[in-house]
Amino acid sequence: MTNNYRDLNRIGKAWFVLYKYYEVVDSSETKWQNVDTLEFRKSIYEKNRKKHLAWLKLIIDADEEKLTRNLLGASGNDITKMAVEIINKMMGE
């Protein structure tokens, strides 16, 4: 993990994807709300907007088993699929 994504890594890949999915694809997605550090995560998310697309691409290549270890109730496979869907939407596909 390079220093370029240290802050985004601190908020968690699963949380990031769930929140981005809520923002870009489906506003009924609410699993991202199930954290005690919501404002902290949103702050880092906003400060790093320019890195979102590149971060999503890295998440797609991440180990799905590790992604599944999140406490938000989303499988690694779900996180990967959501990340792909977000990228497609962002790219206008």
PDB file of N, CA and C in Angstrom:
ATOM      1  N   MET A   1       0.854  -1.187   0.000  1.00  0.00           N
ATOM      2  CA  MET A   1       0.000   0.000   0.000  1.00  0.00           C
ATOM      3  C   MET A   1       0.891   1.238   0.000  1.00  0.00           C
ATOM      4  N   THR A   2       0.698   2.070  -0.967  1.00  0.00           N
ATOM      5  CA  THR A   2       1.519   3.276  -1.027  1.00  0.00           C
ATOM      6  C   THR A   2       0.953   4.342  -0.107  1.00  0.00           C
ATOM      7  N   ASN A   3       1.782   5.300   0.214  1.00  0.00           N
ATOM      8  CA  ASN A   3       1.349   6.412   1.063  1.00  0.00           C
ATOM      9  C   ASN A   3       0.236   7.226   0.425  1.00  0.00           C
ATOM     10  N   ASN A   4       0.120   7.155  -0.906  1.00  0.00           N
ATOM     11  CA  ASN A   4      -0.907   7.926  -1.605  1.00  0.00           C
ATOM     12  C   ASN A   4      -2.321   7.578  -1.144  1.00  0.00           C
ATOM     13  N   TYR A   5      -2.507   6.372  -0.643  1.00  0.00           N
ATOM     14  CA  TYR A   5      -3.844   5.912  -0.261  1.00  0.00           C
ATOM     15  C   TYR A   5      -3.960   5.610   1.227  1.00  0.00           C
ATOM     16  N   ARG A   6      -3.021   6.071   2.004  1.00  0.00           N
ATOM     17  CA  ARG A   6      -3.018   5.781   3.440  1.00  0.00           C
ATOM     18  C   ARG A   6      -4.319   6.229   4.109  1.00  0.00           C
ATOM     19  N   ASP A   7      -4.760   7.450   3.845  1.00  0.00           N
ATOM     20  CA  ASP A   7      -5.986   7.949   4.465  1.00  0.00           C
ATOM     21  C   ASP A   7      -7.199   7.126   4.043  1.00  0.00           C
ATOM     22  N   LEU A   8      -7.306   6.838   2.752  1.00  0.00           N
ATOM     23  CA  LEU A   8      -8.447   6.048   2.289  1.00  0.00           C
ATOM     24  C   LEU A   8      -8.417   4.648   2.891  1.00  0.00           C
ATOM     25  N   ASN A   9      -7.258   4.085   3.056  1.00  0.00           N
ATOM     26  CA  ASN A   9      -7.145   2.770   3.664  1.00  0.00           C
ATOM     27  C   ASN A   9      -7.618   2.804   5.122  1.00  0.00           C
ATOM     28  N   ARG A  10      -7.430   3.920   5.794  1.00  0.00           N
ATOM     29  CA  ARG A  10      -7.845   4.059   7.196  1.00  0.00           C
ATOM     30  C   ARG A  10      -9.353   3.980   7.369  1.00  0.00           C
ATOM     31  N   ILE A  11     -10.120   4.364   6.355  1.00  0.00           N
ATOM     32  CA  ILE A  11     -11.580   4.328   6.494  1.00  0.00           C
ATOM     33  C   ILE A  11     -12.163   2.982   6.074  1.00  0.00           C
ATOM     34  N   GLY A  12     -11.344   2.134   5.510  1.00  0.00           N
ATOM     35  CA  GLY A  12     -11.780   0.790   5.148  1.00  0.00           C
ATOM     36  C   GLY A  12     -12.291   0.697   3.730  1.00  0.00           C
ATOM     37  N   LYS A  13     -11.835  -0.307   3.037  1.00  0.00           N
ATOM     38  CA  LYS A  13     -12.243  -0.498   1.639  1.00  0.00           C
ATOM     39  C   LYS A  13     -13.738  -0.776   1.532  1.00  0.00           C
ATOM     40  N   ALA A  14     -14.243  -1.641   2.398  1.00  0.00           N
ATOM     41  CA  ALA A  14     -15.670  -1.979   2.333  1.00  0.00           C
ATOM     42  C   ALA A  14     -16.526  -0.748   2.611  1.00  0.00           C
ATOM     43  N   TRP A  15     -16.179  -0.004   3.656  1.00  0.00           N
ATOM     44  CA  TRP A  15     -16.953   1.203   3.960  1.00  0.00           C
ATOM     45  C   TRP A  15     -16.905   2.171   2.786  1.00  0.00           C
ATOM     46  N   PHE A  16     -15.725   2.378   2.238  1.00  0.00           N
ATOM     47  CA  PHE A  16     -15.569   3.285   1.111  1.00  0.00           C
ATOM     48  C   PHE A  16     -16.476   2.890  -0.043  1.00  0.00           C
ATOM     49  N   VAL A  17     -16.461   1.614  -0.418  1.00  0.00           N
ATOM     50  CA  VAL A  17     -17.263   1.154  -1.550  1.00  0.00           C
ATOM     51  C   VAL A  17     -18.753   1.287  -1.239  1.00  0.00           C
ATOM     52  N   LEU A  18     -19.163   0.900  -0.038  1.00  0.00           N
ATOM     53  CA  LEU A  18     -20.577   1.004   0.316  1.00  0.00           C
ATOM     54  C   LEU A  18     -21.061   2.453   0.281  1.00  0.00           C
ATOM     55  N   TYR A  19     -20.232   3.368   0.775  1.00  0.00           N
ATOM     56  CA  TYR A  19     -20.619   4.784   0.769  1.00  0.00           C
ATOM     57  C   TYR A  19     -20.622   5.344  -0.658  1.00  0.00           C
ATOM     58  N   LYS A  20     -19.620   4.992  -1.433  1.00  0.00           N
ATOM     59  CA  LYS A  20     -19.553   5.462  -2.823  1.00  0.00           C
ATOM     60  C   LYS A  20     -20.724   4.889  -3.620  1.00  0.00           C
ATOM     61  N   TYR A  21     -21.077   3.646  -3.362  1.00  0.00           N
ATOM     62  CA  TYR A  21     -22.209   3.007  -4.028  1.00  0.00           C
ATOM     63  C   TYR A  21     -23.496   3.763  -3.691  1.00  0.00           C
ATOM     64  N   TYR A  22     -23.659   4.108  -2.429  1.00  0.00           N
ATOM     65  CA  TYR A  22     -24.794   4.916  -1.976  1.00  0.00           C
ATOM     66  C   TYR A  22     -24.834   6.245  -2.723  1.00  0.00           C
ATOM     67  N   GLU A  23     -23.702   6.849  -2.857  1.00  0.00           N
ATOM     68  CA  GLU A  23     -23.608   8.178  -3.477  1.00  0.00           C
ATOM     69  C   GLU A  23     -23.822   8.145  -4.998  1.00  0.00           C
ATOM     70  N   VAL A  24     -23.299   7.125  -5.670  1.00  0.00           N
ATOM     71  CA  VAL A  24     -23.268   7.104  -7.135  1.00  0.00           C
ATOM     72  C   VAL A  24     -24.339   6.218  -7.763  1.00  0.00           C
ATOM     73  N   VAL A  25     -24.659   5.095  -7.125  1.00  0.00           N
ATOM     74  CA  VAL A  25     -25.515   4.094  -7.771  1.00  0.00           C
ATOM     75  C   VAL A  25     -26.895   3.972  -7.126  1.00  0.00           C
ATOM     76  N   ASP A  26     -26.940   3.765  -5.813  1.00  0.00           N
ATOM     77  CA  ASP A  26     -28.205   3.427  -5.163  1.00  0.00           C
ATOM     78  C   ASP A  26     -28.286   4.052  -3.774  1.00  0.00           C
ATOM     79  N   SER A  27     -29.084   5.100  -3.652  1.00  0.00           N
ATOM     80  CA  SER A  27     -29.188   5.821  -2.379  1.00  0.00           C
ATOM     81  C   SER A  27     -29.939   5.035  -1.299  1.00  0.00           C
ATOM     82  N   SER A  28     -30.408   3.844  -1.627  1.00  0.00           N
ATOM     83  CA  SER A  28     -31.057   3.030  -0.594  1.00  0.00           C
ATOM     84  C   SER A  28     -30.044   2.133   0.144  1.00  0.00           C
ATOM     85  N   GLU A  29     -28.803   2.125  -0.306  1.00  0.00           N
ATOM     86  CA  GLU A  29     -27.738   1.365   0.372  1.00  0.00           C
ATOM     87  C   GLU A  29     -27.410   2.064   1.695  1.00  0.00           C
ATOM     88  N   THR A  30     -27.532   1.352   2.797  1.00  0.00           N
ATOM     89  CA  THR A  30     -27.335   1.996   4.099  1.00  0.00           C
ATOM     90  C   THR A  30     -26.323   1.295   5.002  1.00  0.00           C
ATOM     91  N   LYS A  31     -25.712   0.209   4.563  1.00  0.00           N
ATOM     92  CA  LYS A  31     -24.766  -0.520   5.430  1.00  0.00           C
ATOM     93  C   LYS A  31     -23.620   0.366   5.907  1.00  0.00           C
ATOM     94  N   TRP A  32     -23.238   1.357   5.120  1.00  0.00           N
ATOM     95  CA  TRP A  32     -22.133   2.238   5.468  1.00  0.00           C
ATOM     96  C   TRP A  32     -22.407   3.029   6.748  1.00  0.00           C
ATOM     97  N   GLN A  33     -23.673   3.132   7.126  1.00  0.00           N
ATOM     98  CA  GLN A  33     -24.031   3.917   8.318  1.00  0.00           C
ATOM     99  C   GLN A  33     -23.711   3.189   9.623  1.00  0.00           C
ATOM    100  N   ASN A  34     -23.417   1.900   9.567  1.00  0.00           N
ATOM    101  CA  ASN A  34     -23.241   1.082  10.762  1.00  0.00           C
ATOM    102  C   ASN A  34     -21.834   1.156  11.338  1.00  0.00           C
ATOM    103  N   VAL A  35     -21.333   2.354  11.535  1.00  0.00           N
ATOM    104  CA  VAL A  35     -20.010   2.557  12.133  1.00  0.00           C
ATOM    105  C   VAL A  35     -20.080   3.670  13.178  1.00  0.00           C
ATOM    106  N   ASP A  36     -19.191   3.610  14.149  1.00  0.00           N
ATOM    107  CA  ASP A  36     -19.146   4.642  15.187  1.00  0.00           C
ATOM    108  C   ASP A  36     -18.375   5.877  14.745  1.00  0.00           C
ATOM    109  N   THR A  37     -17.584   5.727  13.692  1.00  0.00           N
ATOM    110  CA  THR A  37     -16.686   6.804  13.256  1.00  0.00           C
ATOM    111  C   THR A  37     -17.157   7.427  11.940  1.00  0.00           C
ATOM    112  N   LEU A  38     -18.430   7.616  11.804  1.00  0.00           N
ATOM    113  CA  LEU A  38     -19.013   8.056  10.537  1.00  0.00           C
ATOM    114  C   LEU A  38     -18.472   9.406  10.065  1.00  0.00           C
ATOM    115  N   GLU A  39     -18.470  10.392  10.926  1.00  0.00           N
ATOM    116  CA  GLU A  39     -18.019  11.728  10.513  1.00  0.00           C
ATOM    117  C   GLU A  39     -16.541  11.736  10.140  1.00  0.00           C
ATOM    118  N   PHE A  40     -15.730  10.996  10.880  1.00  0.00           N
ATOM    119  CA  PHE A  40     -14.310  10.870  10.569  1.00  0.00           C
ATOM    120  C   PHE A  40     -14.132  10.283   9.170  1.00  0.00           C
ATOM    121  N   ARG A  41     -14.847   9.202   8.880  1.00  0.00           N
ATOM    122  CA  ARG A  41     -14.735   8.534   7.581  1.00  0.00           C
ATOM    123  C   ARG A  41     -15.207   9.448   6.451  1.00  0.00           C
ATOM    124  N   LYS A  42     -16.320  10.126   6.659  1.00  0.00           N
ATOM    125  CA  LYS A  42     -16.831  11.042   5.626  1.00  0.00           C
ATOM    126  C   LYS A  42     -15.826  12.155   5.342  1.00  0.00           C
ATOM    127  N   SER A  43     -15.178  12.646   6.376  1.00  0.00           N
ATOM    128  CA  SER A  43     -14.189  13.707   6.218  1.00  0.00           C
ATOM    129  C   SER A  43     -13.023  13.247   5.340  1.00  0.00           C
ATOM    130  N   ILE A  44     -12.490  12.069   5.626  1.00  0.00           N
ATOM    131  CA  ILE A  44     -11.387  11.533   4.816  1.00  0.00           C
ATOM    132  C   ILE A  44     -11.863  11.253   3.394  1.00  0.00           C
ATOM    133  N   TYR A  45     -13.047  10.714   3.272  1.00  0.00           N
ATOM    134  CA  TYR A  45     -13.648  10.438   1.963  1.00  0.00           C
ATOM    135  C   TYR A  45     -13.676  11.715   1.117  1.00  0.00           C
ATOM    136  N   GLU A  46     -14.168  12.795   1.690  1.00  0.00           N
ATOM    137  CA  GLU A  46     -14.286  14.067   0.962  1.00  0.00           C
ATOM    138  C   GLU A  46     -12.913  14.653   0.614  1.00  0.00           C
ATOM    139  N   LYS A  47     -11.980  14.585   1.538  1.00  0.00           N
ATOM    140  CA  LYS A  47     -10.645  15.159   1.318  1.00  0.00           C
ATOM    141  C   LYS A  47      -9.870  14.444   0.213  1.00  0.00           C
ATOM    142  N   ASN A  48     -10.275  13.221  -0.093  1.00  0.00           N
ATOM    143  CA  ASN A  48      -9.541  12.410  -1.062  1.00  0.00           C
ATOM    144  C   ASN A  48     -10.335  12.108  -2.325  1.00  0.00           C
ATOM    145  N   ARG A  49     -11.287  12.949  -2.676  1.00  0.00           N
ATOM    146  CA  ARG A  49     -12.150  12.709  -3.844  1.00  0.00           C
ATOM    147  C   ARG A  49     -11.375  12.477  -5.136  1.00  0.00           C
ATOM    148  N   LYS A  50     -10.264  13.167  -5.301  1.00  0.00           N
ATOM    149  CA  LYS A  50      -9.490  13.022  -6.536  1.00  0.00           C
ATOM    150  C   LYS A  50      -8.904  11.624  -6.697  1.00  0.00           C
ATOM    151  N   LYS A  51      -8.829  10.890  -5.613  1.00  0.00           N
ATOM    152  CA  LYS A  51      -8.237   9.550  -5.643  1.00  0.00           C
ATOM    153  C   LYS A  51      -9.284   8.435  -5.748  1.00  0.00           C
ATOM    154  N   HIS A  52     -10.552   8.778  -5.748  1.00  0.00           N
ATOM    155  CA  HIS A  52     -11.602   7.761  -5.684  1.00  0.00           C
ATOM    156  C   HIS A  52     -11.547   6.736  -6.812  1.00  0.00           C
ATOM    157  N   LEU A  53     -11.417   7.171  -8.031  1.00  0.00           N
ATOM    158  CA  LEU A  53     -11.420   6.225  -9.155  1.00  0.00           C
ATOM    159  C   LEU A  53     -10.234   5.261  -9.064  1.00  0.00           C
ATOM    160  N   ALA A  54      -9.064   5.777  -8.805  1.00  0.00           N
ATOM    161  CA  ALA A  54      -7.879   4.924  -8.690  1.00  0.00           C
ATOM    162  C   ALA A  54      -8.021   3.966  -7.503  1.00  0.00           C
ATOM    163  N   TRP A  55      -8.586   4.436  -6.403  1.00  0.00           N
ATOM    164  CA  TRP A  55      -8.783   3.584  -5.226  1.00  0.00           C
ATOM    165  C   TRP A  55      -9.763   2.456  -5.539  1.00  0.00           C
ATOM    166  N   LEU A  56     -10.821   2.768  -6.254  1.00  0.00           N
ATOM    167  CA  LEU A  56     -11.781   1.732  -6.654  1.00  0.00           C
ATOM    168  C   LEU A  56     -11.107   0.656  -7.499  1.00  0.00           C
ATOM    169  N   LYS A  57     -10.242   1.072  -8.395  1.00  0.00           N
ATOM    170  CA  LYS A  57      -9.537   0.104  -9.247  1.00  0.00           C
ATOM    171  C   LYS A  57      -8.636  -0.799  -8.411  1.00  0.00           C
ATOM    172  N   LEU A  58      -8.006  -0.259  -7.381  1.00  0.00           N
ATOM    173  CA  LEU A  58      -7.183  -1.078  -6.490  1.00  0.00           C
ATOM    174  C   LEU A  58      -8.051  -2.043  -5.680  1.00  0.00           C
ATOM    175  N   ILE A  59      -9.205  -1.592  -5.267  1.00  0.00           N
ATOM    176  CA  ILE A  59     -10.110  -2.435  -4.489  1.00  0.00           C
ATOM    177  C   ILE A  59     -10.590  -3.625  -5.315  1.00  0.00           C
ATOM    178  N   ILE A  60     -10.836  -3.414  -6.589  1.00  0.00           N
ATOM    179  CA  ILE A  60     -11.276  -4.512  -7.464  1.00  0.00           C
ATOM    180  C   ILE A  60     -10.245  -5.634  -7.475  1.00  0.00           C
ATOM    181  N   ASP A  61      -8.976  -5.280  -7.373  1.00  0.00           N
ATOM    182  CA  ASP A  61      -7.908  -6.273  -7.395  1.00  0.00           C
ATOM    183  C   ASP A  61      -7.555  -6.800  -6.001  1.00  0.00           C
ATOM    184  N   ALA A  62      -8.244  -6.315  -4.973  1.00  0.00           N
ATOM    185  CA  ALA A  62      -7.945  -6.737  -3.603  1.00  0.00           C
ATOM    186  C   ALA A  62      -8.422  -8.174  -3.361  1.00  0.00           C
ATOM    187  N   ASP A  63      -7.881  -8.776  -2.347  1.00  0.00           N
ATOM    188  CA  ASP A  63      -8.243 -10.130  -1.928  1.00  0.00           C
ATOM    189  C   ASP A  63      -9.666 -10.115  -1.371  1.00  0.00           C
ATOM    190  N   GLU A  64     -10.589 -10.826  -2.037  1.00  0.00           N
ATOM    191  CA  GLU A  64     -11.990 -10.817  -1.607  1.00  0.00           C
ATOM    192  C   GLU A  64     -12.167 -11.409  -0.212  1.00  0.00           C
ATOM    193  N   GLU A  65     -11.310 -12.334   0.152  1.00  0.00           N
ATOM    194  CA  GLU A  65     -11.398 -12.912   1.502  1.00  0.00           C
ATOM    195  C   GLU A  65     -11.139 -11.840   2.554  1.00  0.00           C
ATOM    196  N   LYS A  66     -10.150 -10.990   2.298  1.00  0.00           N
ATOM    197  CA  LYS A  66      -9.865  -9.900   3.235  1.00  0.00           C
ATOM    198  C   LYS A  66     -10.998  -8.880   3.234  1.00  0.00           C
ATOM    199  N   LEU A  67     -11.568  -8.604   2.065  1.00  0.00           N
ATOM    200  CA  LEU A  67     -12.682  -7.658   1.986  1.00  0.00           C
ATOM    201  C   LEU A  67     -13.881  -8.163   2.787  1.00  0.00           C
ATOM    202  N   THR A  68     -14.051  -9.463   2.843  1.00  0.00           N
ATOM    203  CA  THR A  68     -15.182 -10.060   3.556  1.00  0.00           C
ATOM    204  C   THR A  68     -15.073  -9.865   5.066  1.00  0.00           C
ATOM    205  N   ARG A  69     -13.898  -9.580   5.566  1.00  0.00           N
ATOM    206  CA  ARG A  69     -13.681  -9.426   7.014  1.00  0.00           C
ATOM    207  C   ARG A  69     -14.283  -8.144   7.587  1.00  0.00           C
ATOM    208  N   ASN A  70     -14.920  -7.349   6.756  1.00  0.00           N
ATOM    209  CA  ASN A  70     -15.536  -6.113   7.240  1.00  0.00           C
ATOM    210  C   ASN A  70     -16.673  -6.438   8.212  1.00  0.00           C
ATOM    211  N   LEU A  71     -17.067  -5.471   9.001  1.00  0.00           N
ATOM    212  CA  LEU A  71     -18.137  -5.656   9.989  1.00  0.00           C
ATOM    213  C   LEU A  71     -19.455  -5.031   9.525  1.00  0.00           C
ATOM    214  N   LEU A  72     -19.563  -4.778   8.231  1.00  0.00           N
ATOM    215  CA  LEU A  72     -20.733  -4.087   7.697  1.00  0.00           C
ATOM    216  C   LEU A  72     -21.743  -5.028   7.042  1.00  0.00           C
ATOM    217  N   GLY A  73     -21.415  -6.308   6.963  1.00  0.00           N
ATOM    218  CA  GLY A  73     -22.356  -7.269   6.420  1.00  0.00           C
ATOM    219  C   GLY A  73     -22.322  -7.434   4.914  1.00  0.00           C
ATOM    220  N   ALA A  74     -21.244  -7.047   4.281  1.00  0.00           N
ATOM    221  CA  ALA A  74     -21.097  -7.204   2.831  1.00  0.00           C
ATOM    222  C   ALA A  74     -19.962  -8.181   2.551  1.00  0.00           C
ATOM    223  N   SER A  75     -20.176  -9.092   1.631  1.00  0.00           N
ATOM    224  CA  SER A  75     -19.123 -10.049   1.285  1.00  0.00           C
ATOM    225  C   SER A  75     -18.074  -9.369   0.406  1.00  0.00           C
ATOM    226  N   GLY A  76     -16.919  -9.976   0.346  1.00  0.00           N
ATOM    227  CA  GLY A  76     -15.870  -9.461  -0.529  1.00  0.00           C
ATOM    228  C   GLY A  76     -16.311  -9.440  -1.974  1.00  0.00           C
ATOM    229  N   ASN A  77     -17.049 -10.476  -2.362  1.00  0.00           N
ATOM    230  CA  ASN A  77     -17.571 -10.538  -3.720  1.00  0.00           C
ATOM    231  C   ASN A  77     -18.545  -9.384  -3.988  1.00  0.00           C
ATOM    232  N   ASP A  78     -19.401  -9.090  -3.014  1.00  0.00           N
ATOM    233  CA  ASP A  78     -20.330  -7.955  -3.147  1.00  0.00           C
ATOM    234  C   ASP A  78     -19.564  -6.642  -3.300  1.00  0.00           C
ATOM    235  N   ILE A  79     -18.527  -6.465  -2.485  1.00  0.00           N
ATOM    236  CA  ILE A  79     -17.727  -5.237  -2.521  1.00  0.00           C
ATOM    237  C   ILE A  79     -17.082  -5.080  -3.901  1.00  0.00           C
ATOM    238  N   THR A  80     -16.513  -6.160  -4.411  1.00  0.00           N
ATOM    239  CA  THR A  80     -15.875  -6.113  -5.733  1.00  0.00           C
ATOM    240  C   THR A  80     -16.888  -5.774  -6.821  1.00  0.00           C
ATOM    241  N   LYS A  81     -18.037  -6.431  -6.801  1.00  0.00           N
ATOM    242  CA  LYS A  81     -19.080  -6.161  -7.808  1.00  0.00           C
ATOM    243  C   LYS A  81     -19.568  -4.717  -7.731  1.00  0.00           C
ATOM    244  N   MET A  82     -19.745  -4.235  -6.525  1.00  0.00           N
ATOM    245  CA  MET A  82     -20.186  -2.845  -6.353  1.00  0.00           C
ATOM    246  C   MET A  82     -19.141  -1.874  -6.890  1.00  0.00           C
ATOM    247  N   ALA A  83     -17.873  -2.156  -6.616  1.00  0.00           N
ATOM    248  CA  ALA A  83     -16.797  -1.287  -7.103  1.00  0.00           C
ATOM    249  C   ALA A  83     -16.800  -1.231  -8.630  1.00  0.00           C
ATOM    250  N   VAL A  84     -16.992  -2.361  -9.276  1.00  0.00           N
ATOM    251  CA  VAL A  84     -17.064  -2.397 -10.741  1.00  0.00           C
ATOM    252  C   VAL A  84     -18.255  -1.575 -11.224  1.00  0.00           C
ATOM    253  N   GLU A  85     -19.381  -1.742 -10.585  1.00  0.00           N
ATOM    254  CA  GLU A  85     -20.586  -0.997 -10.980  1.00  0.00           C
ATOM    255  C   GLU A  85     -20.397   0.510 -10.801  1.00  0.00           C
ATOM    256  N   ILE A  86     -19.748   0.888  -9.735  1.00  0.00           N
ATOM    257  CA  ILE A  86     -19.469   2.318  -9.483  1.00  0.00           C
ATOM    258  C   ILE A  86     -18.566   2.875 -10.582  1.00  0.00           C
ATOM    259  N   ILE A  87     -17.495   2.157 -10.895  1.00  0.00           N
ATOM    260  CA  ILE A  87     -16.568   2.616 -11.935  1.00  0.00           C
ATOM    261  C   ILE A  87     -17.308   2.766 -13.262  1.00  0.00           C
ATOM    262  N   ASN A  88     -18.112   1.787 -13.615  1.00  0.00           N
ATOM    263  CA  ASN A  88     -18.875   1.865 -14.867  1.00  0.00           C
ATOM    264  C   ASN A  88     -19.771   3.083 -14.891  1.00  0.00           C
ATOM    265  N   LYS A  89     -20.426   3.357 -13.785  1.00  0.00           N
ATOM    266  CA  LYS A  89     -21.306   4.527 -13.689  1.00  0.00           C
ATOM    267  C   LYS A  89     -20.497   5.825 -13.793  1.00  0.00           C
ATOM    268  N   MET A  90     -19.350   5.870 -13.116  1.00  0.00           N
ATOM    269  CA  MET A  90     -18.513   7.048 -13.150  1.00  0.00           C
ATOM    270  C   MET A  90     -17.959   7.311 -14.560  1.00  0.00           C
ATOM    271  N   MET A  91     -17.727   6.230 -15.291  1.00  0.00           N
ATOM    272  CA  MET A  91     -17.155   6.345 -16.632  1.00  0.00           C
ATOM    273  C   MET A  91     -18.250   6.516 -17.699  1.00  0.00           C
ATOM    274  N   GLY A  92     -19.498   6.541 -17.262  1.00  0.00           N
ATOM    275  CA  GLY A  92     -20.603   6.760 -18.187  1.00  0.00           C
ATOM    276  C   GLY A  92     -21.017   5.532 -18.967  1.00  0.00           C
ATOM    277  N   GLU A  93     -20.708   4.354 -18.469  1.00  0.00           N
ATOM    278  CA  GLU A  93     -21.078   3.123 -19.161  1.00  0.00           C
ATOM    279  C   GLU A  93     -22.409   2.600 -18.673  1.00  0.00           C
TER     280      GLU A  93
END
